Amino acid sequence: MIIGFQRPFTIALIIPHFDGLRRVCAEKNIHWTAPEYMIHNTLVIEMYRDLLDHLGLHSHERIEKFILLADTWSPENGLLTATYKPRRKVIEEKYGKEIEELYET
């Protein structure tokens, strides 16, 4: 989910596809542990930064900072609607502390 409306820059909340990430880590010889730990792995974070930097976005669209999340968003936990759209207010409330920390640093 992208956040940036009326903010100084754009950030993203990213939930990796962990099966795919596990395969990429194996190819790059990055030790795999569990999703809860992999989202903090500096090599994984660098891979996502590189990916975001090469999306071909205009400068005003650039994702300056991001958070990798190990959570699952679903209609059952209230983070997605029944049609699988993000419930932005609920998500921003749940991750409010992490979001604000990105804007402070």
Protein backbone atom coordinates (compact mmCIF):
# COMPACT_ATOMS: atom_id res chain seq x y z
CA MET A 1 0.00 0.00 0.00
CA ILE A 2 1.30 3.42 -0.94
CA ILE A 3 1.03 6.38 1.44
CA GLY A 4 1.88 9.91 0.47
CA PHE A 5 -1.22 12.08 0.15
CA GLN A 6 -0.55 15.38 1.96
CA ARG A 7 2.79 14.00 3.16
CA PRO A 8 6.31 15.25 2.35
CA PHE A 9 7.16 12.09 0.37
CA THR A 10 5.80 8.71 -0.62
CA ILE A 11 6.25 5.53 1.40
CA ALA A 12 5.08 1.95 0.88
CA LEU A 13 3.91 -0.84 3.14
CA ILE A 14 5.05 -4.05 1.46
CA ILE A 15 4.10 -7.63 2.26
CA PRO A 16 6.59 -9.81 0.41
CA HIS A 17 5.53 -12.97 -1.37
CA PHE A 18 7.53 -15.14 1.00
CA ASP A 19 7.70 -18.26 -1.18
CA GLY A 20 9.23 -16.16 -3.96
CA LEU A 21 11.48 -14.34 -1.52
CA ARG A 22 12.70 -17.68 -0.17
CA ARG A 23 13.69 -18.75 -3.71
CA VAL A 24 15.48 -15.46 -4.39
CA CYS A 25 17.32 -15.73 -1.08
CA ALA A 26 18.43 -19.26 -2.00
CA GLU A 27 19.72 -18.00 -5.37
CA LYS A 28 21.61 -15.16 -3.70
CA ASN A 29 22.91 -17.30 -0.82
CA ILE A 30 21.02 -15.28 1.79
CA HIS A 31 20.35 -17.40 4.87
CA TRP A 32 16.60 -17.96 5.26
CA THR A 33 14.98 -18.01 8.67
CA ALA A 34 11.33 -16.98 9.09
CA PRO A 35 9.30 -14.17 7.52
CA GLU A 36 9.26 -12.29 10.85
CA TYR A 37 13.06 -12.12 10.70
CA MET A 38 13.58 -11.84 6.95
CA ILE A 39 11.77 -8.49 6.82
CA HIS A 40 14.61 -7.09 8.97
CA ASN A 41 17.44 -8.71 7.01
CA THR A 42 19.60 -5.93 5.57
CA LEU A 43 20.27 -7.87 2.34
CA VAL A 44 16.54 -8.38 1.79
CA ILE A 45 15.86 -4.71 2.49
CA GLU A 46 18.58 -3.77 -0.02
CA MET A 47 16.97 -6.04 -2.64
CA TYR A 48 13.62 -4.30 -2.18
CA ARG A 49 15.26 -0.86 -2.27
CA ASP A 50 16.93 -1.79 -5.55
CA LEU A 51 13.65 -3.10 -6.94
CA LEU A 52 11.80 0.09 -5.99
CA ASP A 53 14.56 2.26 -7.44
CA HIS A 54 14.24 0.52 -10.82
CA LEU A 55 10.47 0.73 -11.30
CA GLY A 56 10.84 3.56 -13.80
CA LEU A 57 8.81 6.01 -11.74
CA HIS A 58 9.00 9.77 -12.20
CA SER A 59 10.85 11.63 -9.45
CA HIS A 60 7.61 12.82 -7.83
CA GLU A 61 6.33 9.21 -7.76
CA ARG A 62 9.47 7.75 -6.19
CA ILE A 63 8.94 5.65 -3.08
CA GLU A 64 11.39 7.22 -0.66
CA LYS A 65 10.99 4.78 2.23
CA PHE A 66 9.22 1.52 2.87
CA ILE A 67 8.36 -1.03 5.52
CA LEU A 68 8.43 -4.77 4.92
CA LEU A 69 5.67 -6.54 6.82
CA ALA A 70 5.31 -10.20 7.76
CA ASP A 71 1.58 -9.86 8.42
CA THR A 72 -1.25 -11.22 6.32
CA TRP A 73 -3.99 -8.85 5.25
CA SER A 74 -7.37 -10.46 4.76
CA PRO A 75 -11.07 -9.72 5.05
CA GLU A 76 -11.09 -11.96 8.13
CA ASN A 77 -8.68 -9.74 10.06
CA GLY A 78 -10.37 -6.57 8.81
CA LEU A 79 -7.42 -5.19 6.82
CA LEU A 80 -9.06 -5.93 3.45
CA THR A 81 -12.63 -5.53 2.25
CA ALA A 82 -14.63 -8.54 1.05
CA THR A 83 -13.42 -7.66 -2.47
CA TYR A 84 -9.77 -7.60 -1.26
CA LYS A 85 -9.25 -3.86 -1.33
CA PRO A 86 -7.12 -2.44 1.49
CA ARG A 87 -8.97 -0.72 4.31
CA ARG A 88 -6.63 2.25 4.31
CA LYS A 89 -7.77 3.85 7.58
CA VAL A 90 -7.59 0.56 9.47
CA ILE A 91 -4.16 -0.24 8.03
CA GLU A 92 -2.80 3.25 8.71
CA GLU A 93 -4.12 3.02 12.26
CA LYS A 94 -2.55 -0.42 12.82
CA TYR A 95 0.86 0.66 11.48
CA GLY A 96 0.63 4.29 12.58
CA LYS A 97 3.73 4.19 14.77
CA GLU A 98 5.87 2.61 12.04
CA ILE A 99 4.55 5.04 9.42
CA GLU A 100 5.27 8.08 11.56
CA GLU A 101 8.78 6.79 12.32
CA LEU A 102 9.51 6.71 8.58
CA TYR A 103 8.48 10.34 8.26
CA GLU A 104 10.54 11.38 11.28
CA THR A 105 13.83 9.82 10.13
